Amino acid sequence: MLKYVLHFLLAALLSFSAAASDDYLSPGLTPAELQAKLGSPDVPLVVDVRKPVEFGIGHIPGAINIPLEELEERLEEVRHDNGVLIYCINGSRTRQAEPILYTHGIDNVYHLEGTFYAWIQGKHPIEKGGVEKTGW
């Protein structure tokens, strides 16, 4: 019986995840599209909105870390001629960051389709580190 309950819960979670995958406000770039732009003159500013410890474990090469909790105070850092691509591990913080950017007049916003999970699963390059030491 427990096996069936777990399968039901997993199916419900997957269907919720699939339903929620299209509720972004911004257009998306696939991991392959973003990787093709990295290093080119038209690459958007890539912003990881996860916590610094998550960023330090691994992030998209060239990304900067502005945790969601700090985004409103650091808006000037995300204004960029080629737009800004925001991402997190599962999309929840990306969805919270989008209205903050749009409300403050930053309109050329993109999200990473499939989230950072898709980047990892696609075996795209990952940088580690970049977090200041906190002393603990």
N, C-alpha and C. Protein backbone atom coordinates (compact mmCIF):
# COMPACT_ATOMS: atom_id res chain seq x y z
N MET A 1 0.81 -1.20 0.00
CA MET A 1 0.00 0.00 0.00
C MET A 1 0.87 1.28 0.00
N LEU A 2 1.91 1.25 0.81
CA LEU A 2 2.80 2.41 0.88
C LEU A 2 3.41 2.71 -0.49
N LYS A 3 3.73 1.65 -1.21
CA LYS A 3 4.31 1.80 -2.54
C LYS A 3 3.36 2.58 -3.46
N TYR A 4 2.08 2.29 -3.40
CA TYR A 4 1.09 2.97 -4.24
C TYR A 4 0.92 4.43 -3.82
N VAL A 5 0.96 4.67 -2.53
CA VAL A 5 0.84 6.04 -2.03
C VAL A 5 2.04 6.86 -2.51
N LEU A 6 3.24 6.29 -2.42
CA LEU A 6 4.43 7.00 -2.87
C LEU A 6 4.38 7.27 -4.37
N HIS A 7 3.91 6.31 -5.15
CA HIS A 7 3.78 6.52 -6.60
C HIS A 7 2.77 7.63 -6.89
N PHE A 8 1.66 7.63 -6.15
CA PHE A 8 0.65 8.67 -6.33
C PHE A 8 1.24 10.05 -6.03
N LEU A 9 1.95 10.14 -4.90
CA LEU A 9 2.54 11.42 -4.51
C LEU A 9 3.57 11.88 -5.53
N LEU A 10 4.38 10.96 -6.04
CA LEU A 10 5.37 11.30 -7.05
C LEU A 10 4.70 11.79 -8.33
N ALA A 11 3.65 11.09 -8.75
CA ALA A 11 2.91 11.50 -9.95
C ALA A 11 2.29 12.88 -9.76
N ALA A 12 1.74 13.14 -8.59
CA ALA A 12 1.14 14.44 -8.32
C ALA A 12 2.20 15.54 -8.35
N LEU A 13 3.35 15.26 -7.75
CA LEU A 13 4.44 16.23 -7.74
C LEU A 13 4.92 16.52 -9.16
N LEU A 14 5.09 15.49 -9.96
CA LEU A 14 5.53 15.68 -11.34
C LEU A 14 4.52 16.45 -12.16
N SER A 15 3.24 16.19 -11.96
CA SER A 15 2.23 16.92 -12.73
C SER A 15 2.16 18.37 -12.29
N PHE A 16 2.33 18.63 -11.00
CA PHE A 16 2.37 20.01 -10.52
C PHE A 16 3.56 20.73 -11.11
N SER A 17 4.71 20.05 -11.12
CA SER A 17 5.93 20.64 -11.66
C SER A 17 5.76 20.97 -13.14
N ALA A 18 5.16 20.06 -13.89
CA ALA A 18 4.96 20.29 -15.32
C ALA A 18 3.98 21.43 -15.55
N ALA A 19 2.92 21.51 -14.74
CA ALA A 19 1.94 22.58 -14.89
C ALA A 19 2.57 23.92 -14.57
N ALA A 20 3.46 23.94 -13.59
CA ALA A 20 4.07 25.20 -13.16
C ALA A 20 5.20 25.64 -14.08
N SER A 21 5.63 24.78 -15.00
CA SER A 21 6.80 25.11 -15.80
C SER A 21 6.56 26.23 -16.79
N ASP A 22 5.31 26.55 -17.10
CA ASP A 22 5.02 27.57 -18.11
C ASP A 22 4.54 28.89 -17.51
N ASP A 23 4.63 29.06 -16.20
CA ASP A 23 4.09 30.27 -15.60
C ASP A 23 5.13 31.35 -15.35
N TYR A 24 6.17 31.36 -16.15
CA TYR A 24 7.16 32.44 -16.08
C TYR A 24 6.60 33.68 -16.76
N LEU A 25 7.03 34.85 -16.33
CA LEU A 25 6.65 36.11 -16.96
C LEU A 25 7.56 36.43 -18.14
N SER A 26 8.78 35.92 -18.09
CA SER A 26 9.80 36.26 -19.09
C SER A 26 9.94 35.15 -20.11
N PRO A 27 10.48 35.51 -21.29
CA PRO A 27 10.82 34.46 -22.26
C PRO A 27 12.00 33.65 -21.74
N GLY A 28 12.12 32.43 -22.23
CA GLY A 28 13.19 31.57 -21.77
C GLY A 28 14.26 31.35 -22.81
N LEU A 29 15.45 31.03 -22.33
CA LEU A 29 16.54 30.55 -23.17
C LEU A 29 16.85 29.14 -22.70
N THR A 30 17.04 28.22 -23.63
CA THR A 30 17.43 26.87 -23.25
C THR A 30 18.89 26.89 -22.81
N PRO A 31 19.30 25.86 -22.07
CA PRO A 31 20.72 25.80 -21.71
C PRO A 31 21.63 25.83 -22.94
N ALA A 32 21.24 25.15 -24.01
CA ALA A 32 22.08 25.16 -25.23
C ALA A 32 22.14 26.55 -25.84
N GLU A 33 21.01 27.28 -25.86
CA GLU A 33 21.02 28.64 -26.40
C GLU A 33 21.90 29.55 -25.57
N LEU A 34 21.81 29.42 -24.23
CA LEU A 34 22.64 30.25 -23.37
C LEU A 34 24.11 29.91 -23.55
N GLN A 35 24.43 28.63 -23.58
CA GLN A 35 25.84 28.26 -23.74
C GLN A 35 26.40 28.80 -25.05
N ALA A 36 25.59 28.79 -26.10
CA ALA A 36 26.05 29.33 -27.38
C ALA A 36 26.33 30.82 -27.30
N LYS A 37 25.62 31.53 -26.43
CA LYS A 37 25.81 32.98 -26.28
C LYS A 37 26.98 33.33 -25.35
N LEU A 38 27.34 32.42 -24.44
CA LEU A 38 28.42 32.71 -23.50
C LEU A 38 29.69 33.06 -24.27
N GLY A 39 30.30 34.15 -23.92
CA GLY A 39 31.52 34.59 -24.58
C GLY A 39 31.28 35.42 -25.83
N SER A 40 30.03 35.55 -26.24
CA SER A 40 29.74 36.36 -27.43
C SER A 40 29.35 37.77 -27.00
N PRO A 41 29.37 38.72 -27.92
CA PRO A 41 29.03 40.10 -27.56
C PRO A 41 27.57 40.28 -27.15
N ASP A 42 26.68 39.36 -27.53
CA ASP A 42 25.26 39.55 -27.20
C ASP A 42 24.79 38.70 -26.02
N VAL A 43 25.73 38.25 -25.19
CA VAL A 43 25.34 37.45 -24.03
C VAL A 43 24.64 38.35 -23.00
N PRO A 44 23.50 37.88 -22.47
CA PRO A 44 22.88 38.67 -21.40
C PRO A 44 23.69 38.52 -20.10
N LEU A 45 23.45 39.42 -19.18
CA LEU A 45 24.04 39.28 -17.86
C LEU A 45 23.36 38.09 -17.20
N VAL A 46 24.13 37.13 -16.74
CA VAL A 46 23.58 35.92 -16.13
C VAL A 46 23.62 36.10 -14.61
N VAL A 47 22.43 36.05 -13.99
CA VAL A 47 22.31 36.28 -12.56
C VAL A 47 21.72 35.05 -11.88
N ASP A 48 22.47 34.53 -10.94
CA ASP A 48 22.04 33.41 -10.12
C ASP A 48 21.39 34.01 -8.87
N VAL A 49 20.12 33.72 -8.64
CA VAL A 49 19.40 34.32 -7.52
C VAL A 49 19.34 33.39 -6.31
N ARG A 50 20.22 32.39 -6.30
CA ARG A 50 20.28 31.49 -5.15
C ARG A 50 21.13 32.10 -4.04
N LYS A 51 21.16 31.44 -2.91
CA LYS A 51 21.99 31.87 -1.79
C LYS A 51 23.47 31.68 -2.13
N PRO A 52 24.36 32.47 -1.52
CA PRO A 52 25.79 32.38 -1.82
C PRO A 52 26.37 30.98 -1.66
N VAL A 53 25.95 30.24 -0.67
CA VAL A 53 26.50 28.89 -0.49
C VAL A 53 26.12 27.99 -1.66
N GLU A 54 24.92 28.15 -2.20
CA GLU A 54 24.50 27.37 -3.37
C GLU A 54 25.32 27.78 -4.59
N PHE A 55 25.50 29.08 -4.74
CA PHE A 55 26.30 29.61 -5.85
C PHE A 55 27.72 29.04 -5.79
N GLY A 56 28.30 29.00 -4.59
CA GLY A 56 29.66 28.51 -4.42
C GLY A 56 29.82 27.04 -4.78
N ILE A 57 28.77 26.27 -4.59
CA ILE A 57 28.82 24.84 -4.92
C ILE A 57 28.92 24.65 -6.43
N GLY A 58 28.24 25.51 -7.17
CA GLY A 58 28.31 25.43 -8.62
C GLY A 58 27.36 26.40 -9.28
N HIS A 59 27.82 27.02 -10.38
CA HIS A 59 27.00 28.00 -11.09
C HIS A 59 27.44 28.06 -12.56
N ILE A 60 26.64 28.74 -13.35
CA ILE A 60 26.94 28.92 -14.77
C ILE A 60 28.17 29.82 -14.90
N PRO A 61 29.12 29.45 -15.74
CA PRO A 61 30.33 30.28 -15.90
C PRO A 61 29.98 31.74 -16.25
N GLY A 62 30.61 32.66 -15.53
CA GLY A 62 30.39 34.07 -15.77
C GLY A 62 29.20 34.67 -15.05
N ALA A 63 28.42 33.83 -14.38
CA ALA A 63 27.25 34.33 -13.66
C ALA A 63 27.69 35.14 -12.45
N ILE A 64 26.83 36.09 -12.08
CA ILE A 64 27.04 36.80 -10.82
C ILE A 64 25.96 36.32 -9.85
N ASN A 65 26.24 36.43 -8.58
CA ASN A 65 25.30 35.99 -7.55
C ASN A 65 24.66 37.19 -6.89
N ILE A 66 23.35 37.31 -7.08
CA ILE A 66 22.56 38.29 -6.35
C ILE A 66 21.39 37.50 -5.75
N PRO A 67 21.50 37.12 -4.48
CA PRO A 67 20.42 36.35 -3.87
C PRO A 67 19.09 37.09 -3.96
N LEU A 68 18.02 36.34 -4.12
CA LEU A 68 16.69 36.93 -4.25
C LEU A 68 16.43 37.96 -3.16
N GLU A 69 16.85 37.66 -1.95
CA GLU A 69 16.61 38.57 -0.82
C GLU A 69 17.30 39.91 -0.98
N GLU A 70 18.33 40.00 -1.83
CA GLU A 70 19.08 41.24 -2.03
C GLU A 70 18.76 41.93 -3.35
N LEU A 71 17.91 41.33 -4.15
CA LEU A 71 17.72 41.82 -5.52
C LEU A 71 17.25 43.27 -5.57
N GLU A 72 16.28 43.64 -4.77
CA GLU A 72 15.78 45.02 -4.84
C GLU A 72 16.84 46.05 -4.47
N GLU A 73 17.73 45.71 -3.55
CA GLU A 73 18.78 46.65 -3.16
C GLU A 73 19.90 46.72 -4.19
N ARG A 74 19.97 45.74 -5.10
CA ARG A 74 21.10 45.67 -6.03
C ARG A 74 20.66 45.78 -7.49
N LEU A 75 19.55 46.44 -7.74
CA LEU A 75 18.99 46.53 -9.09
C LEU A 75 19.95 47.15 -10.10
N GLU A 76 20.75 48.12 -9.68
CA GLU A 76 21.66 48.76 -10.63
C GLU A 76 22.67 47.77 -11.20
N GLU A 77 22.95 46.71 -10.47
CA GLU A 77 23.89 45.70 -10.96
C GLU A 77 23.31 44.84 -12.08
N VAL A 78 21.99 44.82 -12.21
CA VAL A 78 21.38 43.94 -13.22
C VAL A 78 20.95 44.68 -14.48
N ARG A 79 21.12 45.97 -14.54
CA ARG A 79 20.79 46.70 -15.77
C ARG A 79 21.90 46.41 -16.79
N HIS A 80 21.51 45.90 -17.94
CA HIS A 80 22.50 45.45 -18.92
C HIS A 80 21.92 45.60 -20.32
N ASP A 81 22.72 46.08 -21.25
CA ASP A 81 22.25 46.32 -22.62
C ASP A 81 21.70 45.08 -23.30
N ASN A 82 22.27 43.92 -23.00
CA ASN A 82 21.83 42.68 -23.65
C ASN A 82 20.79 41.93 -22.83
N GLY A 83 20.26 42.56 -21.82
CA GLY A 83 19.26 41.91 -20.99
C GLY A 83 19.90 41.15 -19.84
N VAL A 84 19.04 40.54 -19.06
CA VAL A 84 19.48 39.78 -17.91
C VAL A 84 18.76 38.44 -17.91
N LEU A 85 19.52 37.37 -17.71
CA LEU A 85 18.96 36.04 -17.57
C LEU A 85 19.07 35.67 -16.10
N ILE A 86 17.94 35.31 -15.50
CA ILE A 86 17.95 34.92 -14.10
C ILE A 86 17.66 33.43 -14.00
N TYR A 87 18.27 32.81 -12.99
CA TYR A 87 18.03 31.39 -12.78
C TYR A 87 18.24 31.01 -11.33
N CYS A 88 17.67 29.87 -10.97
CA CYS A 88 17.89 29.25 -9.67
C CYS A 88 17.84 27.74 -9.89
N ILE A 89 17.76 26.98 -8.85
CA ILE A 89 17.84 25.53 -8.99
C ILE A 89 16.54 24.92 -9.50
N ASN A 90 15.37 25.47 -9.12
CA ASN A 90 14.12 24.84 -9.53
C ASN A 90 13.08 25.80 -10.10
N GLY A 91 13.41 27.06 -10.23
CA GLY A 91 12.50 28.03 -10.84
C GLY A 91 11.70 28.88 -9.87
N SER A 92 11.59 28.46 -8.62
CA SER A 92 10.73 29.21 -7.69
C SER A 92 11.27 30.62 -7.41
N ARG A 93 12.56 30.74 -7.17
CA ARG A 93 13.13 32.07 -6.91
C ARG A 93 13.19 32.90 -8.20
N THR A 94 13.37 32.24 -9.33
CA THR A 94 13.34 32.95 -10.61
C THR A 94 11.97 33.59 -10.80
N ARG A 95 10.91 32.84 -10.52
CA ARG A 95 9.55 33.37 -10.67
C ARG A 95 9.29 34.54 -9.70
N GLN A 96 9.92 34.52 -8.55
CA GLN A 96 9.77 35.63 -7.60
C GLN A 96 10.61 36.83 -8.02
N ALA A 97 11.71 36.59 -8.69
CA ALA A 97 12.60 37.68 -9.12
C ALA A 97 12.03 38.44 -10.32
N GLU A 98 11.33 37.74 -11.21
CA GLU A 98 10.82 38.38 -12.43
C GLU A 98 9.98 39.63 -12.14
N PRO A 99 8.95 39.56 -11.29
CA PRO A 99 8.16 40.78 -11.06
C PRO A 99 8.95 41.91 -10.40
N ILE A 100 9.94 41.57 -9.60
CA ILE A 100 10.78 42.61 -9.00
C ILE A 100 11.48 43.39 -10.10
N LEU A 101 12.06 42.68 -11.06
CA LEU A 101 12.77 43.34 -12.15
C LEU A 101 11.82 44.14 -13.03
N TYR A 102 10.70 43.54 -13.41
CA TYR A 102 9.74 44.25 -14.27
C TYR A 102 9.17 45.49 -13.57
N THR A 103 8.88 45.39 -12.28
CA THR A 103 8.33 46.52 -11.52
C THR A 103 9.30 47.69 -11.50
N HIS A 104 10.59 47.40 -11.54
CA HIS A 104 11.60 48.46 -11.49
C HIS A 104 12.13 48.84 -12.87
N GLY A 105 11.37 48.52 -13.91
CA GLY A 105 11.69 49.00 -15.25
C GLY A 105 12.74 48.20 -16.00
N ILE A 106 13.09 47.03 -15.49
CA ILE A 106 14.04 46.17 -16.21
C ILE A 106 13.19 45.19 -17.02
N ASP A 107 13.07 45.47 -18.31
CA ASP A 107 12.13 44.74 -19.16
C ASP A 107 12.76 43.64 -19.99
N ASN A 108 14.05 43.69 -20.21
CA ASN A 108 14.68 42.68 -21.06
C ASN A 108 15.21 41.52 -20.19
N VAL A 109 14.24 40.79 -19.63
CA VAL A 109 14.51 39.70 -18.69
C VAL A 109 14.26 38.37 -19.38
N TYR A 110 15.10 37.40 -19.10
CA TYR A 110 14.95 36.03 -19.58
C TYR A 110 15.09 35.09 -18.39
N HIS A 111 14.56 33.89 -18.53
CA HIS A 111 14.79 32.84 -17.54
C HIS A 111 15.45 31.66 -18.22
N LEU A 112 16.10 30.81 -17.45
CA LEU A 112 16.75 29.62 -17.98
C LEU A 112 15.72 28.50 -18.04
N GLU A 113 15.37 28.09 -19.25
CA GLU A 113 14.39 27.00 -19.40
C GLU A 113 14.94 25.73 -18.77
N GLY A 114 14.10 25.09 -17.99
CA GLY A 114 14.51 23.86 -17.33
C GLY A 114 15.30 24.08 -16.05
N THR A 115 15.54 25.33 -15.72
CA THR A 115 16.26 25.74 -14.52
C THR A 115 17.72 25.25 -14.53
N PHE A 116 18.40 25.46 -13.43
CA PHE A 116 19.79 25.04 -13.32
C PHE A 116 19.91 23.52 -13.41
N TYR A 117 18.84 22.80 -13.03
CA TYR A 117 18.84 21.34 -13.18
C TYR A 117 19.08 20.95 -14.64
N ALA A 118 18.41 21.62 -15.57
CA ALA A 118 18.59 21.31 -16.99
C ALA A 118 20.02 21.61 -17.43
N TRP A 119 20.59 22.69 -16.90
CA TRP A 119 21.98 23.03 -17.22
C TRP A 119 22.90 21.89 -16.78
N ILE A 120 22.69 21.41 -15.56
CA ILE A 120 23.51 20.32 -15.02
C ILE A 120 23.29 19.04 -15.83
N GLN A 121 22.03 18.70 -16.05
CA GLN A 121 21.72 17.46 -16.78
C GLN A 121 22.25 17.49 -18.21
N GLY A 122 22.32 18.67 -18.80
CA GLY A 122 22.86 18.79 -20.14
C GLY A 122 24.38 18.76 -20.19
N LYS A 123 24.99 18.58 -19.02
CA LYS A 123 26.45 18.51 -18.90
C LYS A 123 27.15 19.76 -19.44
N HIS A 124 26.51 20.91 -19.22
CA HIS A 124 27.12 22.19 -19.57
C HIS A 124 28.16 22.54 -18.51
N PRO A 125 29.12 23.40 -18.82
CA PRO A 125 30.18 23.71 -17.86
C PRO A 125 29.64 24.38 -16.60
N ILE A 126 30.30 24.09 -15.50
CA ILE A 126 29.93 24.64 -14.20
C ILE A 126 31.18 25.19 -13.53
N GLU A 127 31.06 26.41 -12.99
CA GLU A 127 32.14 26.98 -12.18
C GLU A 127 31.81 26.76 -10.72
N LYS A 128 32.83 26.67 -9.91
CA LYS A 128 32.65 26.53 -8.46
C LYS A 128 33.35 27.67 -7.77
N GLY A 129 32.92 27.94 -6.55
CA GLY A 129 33.54 29.01 -5.78
C GLY A 129 32.92 30.35 -6.06
N GLY A 130 33.66 31.39 -5.71
CA GLY A 130 33.17 32.74 -5.93
C GLY A 130 32.41 33.31 -4.76
N VAL A 131 32.47 32.62 -3.63
CA VAL A 131 31.75 33.10 -2.45
C VAL A 131 32.77 33.56 -1.42
N GLU A 132 32.51 34.72 -0.85
CA GLU A 132 33.41 35.22 0.18
C GLU A 132 33.29 34.35 1.43
N LYS A 133 34.40 34.21 2.14
CA LYS A 133 34.41 33.43 3.37
C LYS A 133 33.62 34.18 4.43
N THR A 134 32.80 33.42 5.18
CA THR A 134 31.97 34.04 6.21
C THR A 134 32.55 33.84 7.60
N GLY A 135 33.53 32.97 7.73
CA GLY A 135 34.14 32.74 9.02
C GLY A 135 33.55 31.57 9.79
N TRP A 136 32.52 30.97 9.23
CA TRP A 136 31.99 29.79 9.92
C TRP A 136 31.85 28.69 8.99
